[in-house]
Amino acid sequence: MTLKEAINVRCSNRKYLNTPIPQNKVQKMEELINRYNKEADLNMQLILNNGKAFAGLKRSYGMFSGVNNYIAVVGKTDDFSKERAGYYGEKLVLEATCLNLGTCWVGTCFDKKSCVCFVNQDEEIYCLIVLGQVADKFSLKEKIISKAMHRKTKSFNEIVEADTTELPNWFKNGIYAVQKAPSALNQQPVKFIYQSGTVRARVSDKSPYGPIDMGIAKLHFELGAEGGYWEFGNNAEYHRTE
C-alpha cells in the first residue's frame, strides 16, 4: 500500500486492543520518526505501553479505550514548526495505516502532565497521535462517537478559490485528497487558491490548530496531485515538478 492509497483507508480509531504492537512495526515507526525529526527539526517520540495520559474519564470523556501507545508530537513553539509537525505527523499516520495499525490525532482529550515524553524548554507538546492494534470493524460505541464527532465534508468549492473553472486534473486530485484529511474538530480550515497557474494554501490566524491542520492538508494535496512539493508557511506556494 502506498501513502496515497492509505488516504482512502485511514480512519480515526478510538478503541484499541490490549495487544502489543509487533516489534517489526515498532522498529519501522521508530526509524521513520527519527528520519522525520531530522528532516523537520522536530522532537516526535514513540511512547509504548503507557496509557496514563488517557487514564480516567475526565480527560478522554470516555471517547478512547485501550490506549497504551502514542506518538508525542513535540516541537518548538513557532507556527512553522507546528506546520511541519502536521505534515510529518500525518506522514506517520499514513505509514502506520500501511502497517495495518489504527491511529487517531488527539489535540485535547489527554493529560499533558502524564505524558512521559521529553520536552525541551523551547518546545511544547502540540498533540498526540494514538496508534495500536485495532479490531477489523468499528464497535457500536466507536460508530456512535464517530458520528457525533463527524461533520459533513466541505465541498470542492468550499475548499478552493480559483480564477478559472478549467482546473488541471492534478489540482483536482490534490483537493480530493485534502477532503479526506483529518483536522481539528473536522473543521477543514485550509483554503487552496489557484490563481494564474499558481497554487497557494492559507489558513486563518484565528484557527488554534491551523498550522498543524495546514501541514496535514498540504501533505494530502501533495500525495493526491503527485509531482510537486510545498513550501512551508501560511499562503506559501506549491511547486509543480511534472
Protein backbone atom coordinates (compact mmCIF):
# COMPACT_ATOMS: atom_id res chain seq x y z
CA MET A 1 0.00 0.00 0.00
CA THR A 2 1.31 3.46 -0.91
CA LEU A 3 0.76 6.58 1.18
CA LYS A 4 -1.67 7.83 -1.45
CA GLU A 5 -3.66 4.61 -1.18
CA ALA A 6 -3.55 4.85 2.62
CA ILE A 7 -5.51 8.13 2.41
CA ASN A 8 -8.59 6.13 1.37
CA VAL A 9 -8.09 3.55 4.14
CA ARG A 10 -7.21 5.77 7.11
CA CYS A 11 -9.85 6.44 9.73
CA SER A 12 -9.80 7.74 13.29
CA ASN A 13 -9.72 4.79 15.70
CA ARG A 14 -10.66 5.34 19.34
CA LYS A 15 -10.80 1.76 20.63
CA TYR A 16 -7.62 -0.32 20.80
CA LEU A 17 -6.94 -3.96 21.51
CA ASN A 18 -4.86 -4.99 24.51
CA THR A 19 -2.26 -6.44 22.16
CA PRO A 20 1.33 -5.21 21.85
CA ILE A 21 2.41 -3.71 18.55
CA PRO A 22 4.64 -6.29 16.78
CA GLN A 23 8.33 -5.48 17.15
CA ASN A 24 8.94 -5.19 13.40
CA LYS A 25 6.25 -2.49 13.21
CA VAL A 26 7.66 -0.70 16.26
CA GLN A 27 11.10 -0.68 14.64
CA LYS A 28 9.69 0.68 11.38
CA MET A 29 7.84 3.50 13.14
CA GLU A 30 10.89 4.42 15.23
CA GLU A 31 13.04 4.58 12.09
CA LEU A 32 10.53 6.88 10.42
CA ILE A 33 10.21 9.10 13.49
CA ASN A 34 13.98 9.50 13.69
CA ARG A 35 14.17 10.34 9.98
CA TYR A 36 11.35 12.87 10.05
CA ASN A 37 12.68 14.50 13.22
CA LYS A 38 15.96 15.17 11.42
CA GLU A 39 14.25 16.43 8.27
CA ALA A 40 11.85 18.75 10.10
CA ASP A 41 13.78 19.68 13.27
CA LEU A 42 11.07 18.13 15.45
CA ASN A 43 11.16 16.03 18.62
CA MET A 44 8.43 13.45 17.98
CA GLN A 45 8.66 10.43 20.28
CA LEU A 46 7.09 6.98 20.25
CA ILE A 47 5.70 6.07 23.69
CA LEU A 48 4.88 2.39 24.20
CA ASN A 49 2.93 0.53 26.88
CA ASN A 50 1.96 3.65 28.81
CA GLY A 51 -1.60 4.93 28.70
CA LYS A 52 -1.50 7.24 31.72
CA ALA A 53 -2.18 10.29 29.55
CA PHE A 54 -5.60 8.79 28.79
CA ALA A 55 -6.37 7.31 32.21
CA GLY A 56 -9.76 8.24 33.66
CA LEU A 57 -12.91 9.61 32.03
CA LYS A 58 -12.29 13.23 32.95
CA ARG A 59 -9.67 13.74 30.25
CA SER A 60 -10.88 11.47 27.47
CA TYR A 61 -14.62 11.77 28.22
CA GLY A 62 -14.82 8.01 27.62
CA MET A 63 -14.03 8.54 23.95
CA PHE A 64 -10.87 6.42 23.99
CA SER A 65 -10.30 2.94 25.35
CA GLY A 66 -7.33 0.60 25.38
CA VAL A 67 -4.82 3.35 24.54
CA ASN A 68 -1.31 2.25 25.53
CA ASN A 69 0.80 3.61 22.67
CA TYR A 70 1.12 7.02 21.09
CA ILE A 71 3.43 9.38 19.28
CA ALA A 72 4.05 12.58 21.24
CA VAL A 73 4.19 15.34 18.63
CA VAL A 74 6.71 17.75 20.15
CA GLY A 75 8.49 20.75 18.67
CA LYS A 76 9.34 24.41 19.03
CA THR A 77 6.59 26.94 19.67
CA ASP A 78 6.61 28.74 16.28
CA ASP A 79 3.97 28.18 13.60
CA PHE A 80 6.49 26.86 11.04
CA SER A 81 7.39 24.03 13.42
CA LYS A 82 3.71 23.30 14.05
CA GLU A 83 3.02 23.12 10.33
CA ARG A 84 5.92 20.72 9.81
CA ALA A 85 4.57 18.66 12.70
CA GLY A 86 1.23 18.38 10.90
CA TYR A 87 2.90 17.42 7.63
CA TYR A 88 5.29 14.84 9.06
CA GLY A 89 2.87 13.65 11.74
CA GLU A 90 0.33 12.80 9.05
CA LYS A 91 3.08 11.00 7.15
CA LEU A 92 3.50 8.82 10.23
CA VAL A 93 -0.27 8.27 10.39
CA LEU A 94 -0.34 7.08 6.78
CA GLU A 95 2.76 4.94 7.27
CA ALA A 96 1.09 3.34 10.31
CA THR A 97 -2.01 2.74 8.18
CA CYS A 98 0.19 0.91 5.67
CA LEU A 99 1.32 -1.29 8.58
CA ASN A 100 -2.33 -2.06 9.41
CA LEU A 101 -2.21 -0.08 12.64
CA GLY A 102 -5.05 2.08 13.88
CA THR A 103 -4.39 5.78 14.53
CA CYS A 104 -6.06 8.95 15.74
CA TRP A 105 -4.89 12.56 16.09
CA VAL A 106 -5.67 13.85 19.60
CA GLY A 107 -5.48 17.54 20.43
CA THR A 108 -7.17 17.91 23.79
CA CYS A 109 -8.56 14.70 25.33
CA PHE A 110 -5.41 13.75 27.20
CA ASP A 111 -3.35 14.83 30.22
CA LYS A 112 -0.14 16.55 29.10
CA LYS A 113 1.36 16.23 32.57
CA SER A 114 1.06 12.45 32.35
CA CYS A 115 2.85 12.22 29.01
CA VAL A 116 6.21 10.54 29.55
CA CYS A 117 7.94 12.27 26.64
CA PHE A 118 10.89 14.65 26.96
CA VAL A 119 10.18 18.31 26.18
CA ASN A 120 12.96 20.91 25.95
CA GLN A 121 12.48 24.40 27.40
CA ASP A 122 11.86 25.93 23.96
CA GLU A 123 9.38 23.19 22.96
CA GLU A 124 5.82 22.14 23.64
CA ILE A 125 3.60 19.12 23.15
CA TYR A 126 1.35 20.06 20.24
CA CYS A 127 -0.78 16.93 20.31
CA LEU A 128 -0.60 13.14 20.32
CA ILE A 129 -1.09 10.52 17.64
CA VAL A 130 -2.57 7.41 19.21
CA LEU A 131 -1.68 4.15 17.49
CA GLY A 132 -2.03 0.44 18.06
CA GLN A 133 -3.74 -2.78 17.15
CA VAL A 134 -7.45 -2.42 16.37
CA ALA A 135 -10.36 -4.68 15.53
CA ASP A 136 -11.27 -5.11 11.88
CA LYS A 137 -14.62 -3.42 12.43
CA PHE A 138 -15.76 -0.43 14.48
CA SER A 139 -17.59 -1.22 17.71
CA LEU A 140 -21.06 0.25 18.25
CA LYS A 141 -19.56 2.80 20.67
CA GLU A 142 -16.99 3.85 18.07
CA LYS A 143 -19.70 4.25 15.46
CA ILE A 144 -21.71 6.49 17.80
CA ILE A 145 -18.67 8.62 18.72
CA SER A 146 -17.55 8.84 15.10
CA LYS A 147 -20.99 10.00 14.02
CA ALA A 148 -21.12 12.58 16.83
CA MET A 149 -17.66 13.93 16.00
CA HIS A 150 -18.03 13.93 12.24
CA ARG A 151 -19.19 16.93 10.28
CA LYS A 152 -20.09 16.96 6.64
CA THR A 153 -17.01 17.12 4.44
CA LYS A 154 -16.58 20.52 2.83
CA SER A 155 -17.33 20.62 -0.86
CA PHE A 156 -14.68 21.23 -3.50
CA ASN A 157 -15.85 24.82 -3.94
CA GLU A 158 -15.73 25.49 -0.19
CA ILE A 159 -12.08 24.50 -0.09
CA VAL A 160 -10.95 26.15 -3.34
CA GLU A 161 -10.67 29.74 -4.55
CA ALA A 162 -9.87 29.86 -8.27
CA ASP A 163 -9.74 32.39 -11.08
CA THR A 164 -10.87 29.80 -13.63
CA THR A 165 -13.23 26.84 -13.89
CA GLU A 166 -10.76 24.99 -16.12
CA LEU A 167 -8.63 23.50 -13.38
CA PRO A 168 -5.99 20.87 -14.22
CA ASN A 169 -6.66 17.29 -13.16
CA TRP A 170 -3.63 17.19 -10.87
CA PHE A 171 -5.06 20.11 -8.88
CA LYS A 172 -8.46 18.45 -8.63
CA ASN A 173 -6.87 15.21 -7.47
CA GLY A 174 -4.97 17.13 -4.82
CA ILE A 175 -8.18 18.66 -3.47
CA TYR A 176 -9.96 15.31 -3.47
CA ALA A 177 -7.18 14.02 -1.20
CA VAL A 178 -7.48 17.12 1.01
CA GLN A 179 -11.18 16.39 1.51
CA LYS A 180 -10.15 13.14 3.23
CA ALA A 181 -7.60 14.78 5.52
CA PRO A 182 -8.21 14.86 9.29
CA SER A 183 -8.40 18.24 11.00
CA ALA A 184 -9.16 19.62 14.46
CA LEU A 185 -12.88 19.14 15.16
CA ASN A 186 -13.18 18.20 11.47
CA GLN A 187 -13.34 21.90 10.61
CA GLN A 188 -11.17 21.65 7.44
CA PRO A 189 -9.97 25.28 7.80
CA VAL A 190 -7.40 25.32 4.98
CA LYS A 191 -8.16 27.17 1.73
CA PHE A 192 -6.39 26.35 -1.53
CA ILE A 193 -6.00 29.19 -4.01
CA TYR A 194 -5.45 28.60 -7.73
CA GLN A 195 -4.54 31.84 -9.50
CA SER A 196 -2.79 32.21 -12.86
CA GLY A 197 -1.49 28.66 -12.58
CA THR A 198 -0.05 29.22 -9.10
CA VAL A 199 -1.31 27.25 -6.11
CA ARG A 200 -1.17 28.52 -2.53
CA ALA A 201 -2.60 27.33 0.79
CA ARG A 202 -3.69 29.52 3.65
CA VAL A 203 -5.47 29.26 6.97
CA SER A 204 -6.99 31.85 9.27
CA ASP A 205 -4.76 33.04 12.10
CA LYS A 206 -7.77 32.56 14.39
CA SER A 207 -7.67 28.78 13.97
CA PRO A 208 -5.87 27.39 17.09
CA TYR A 209 -4.69 24.24 15.35
CA GLY A 210 -4.42 25.99 11.97
CA PRO A 211 -0.70 25.42 11.32
CA ILE A 212 -0.99 21.70 12.13
CA ASP A 213 -4.14 21.34 10.03
CA MET A 214 -2.39 23.11 7.16
CA GLY A 215 0.58 20.75 7.33
CA ILE A 216 -1.76 17.76 7.21
CA ALA A 217 -3.76 19.21 4.31
CA LYS A 218 -0.62 20.09 2.34
CA LEU A 219 0.64 16.53 2.59
CA HIS A 220 -2.68 15.16 1.35
CA PHE A 221 -2.68 17.61 -1.56
CA GLU A 222 0.91 16.69 -2.42
CA LEU A 223 0.13 12.97 -2.43
CA GLY A 224 -3.07 13.41 -4.41
CA ALA A 225 -1.63 15.78 -7.02
CA GLU A 226 1.63 13.85 -7.44
CA GLY A 227 4.69 15.50 -8.93
CA GLY A 228 5.24 18.54 -6.72
CA TYR A 229 6.13 19.89 -3.29
CA TRP A 230 5.10 22.66 -0.90
CA GLU A 231 6.94 25.49 0.73
CA PHE A 232 6.11 25.75 4.43
CA GLY A 233 4.29 28.82 5.71
CA ASN A 234 0.86 30.41 5.57
CA ASN A 235 -0.04 31.38 1.98
CA ALA A 236 3.05 29.51 0.75
CA GLU A 237 3.32 28.15 -2.78
CA TYR A 238 3.10 24.67 -4.28
CA HIS A 239 5.78 23.89 -6.85
CA ARG A 240 4.76 21.59 -9.68
CA THR A 241 7.65 19.40 -10.89
CA GLU A 242 5.90 17.32 -13.56
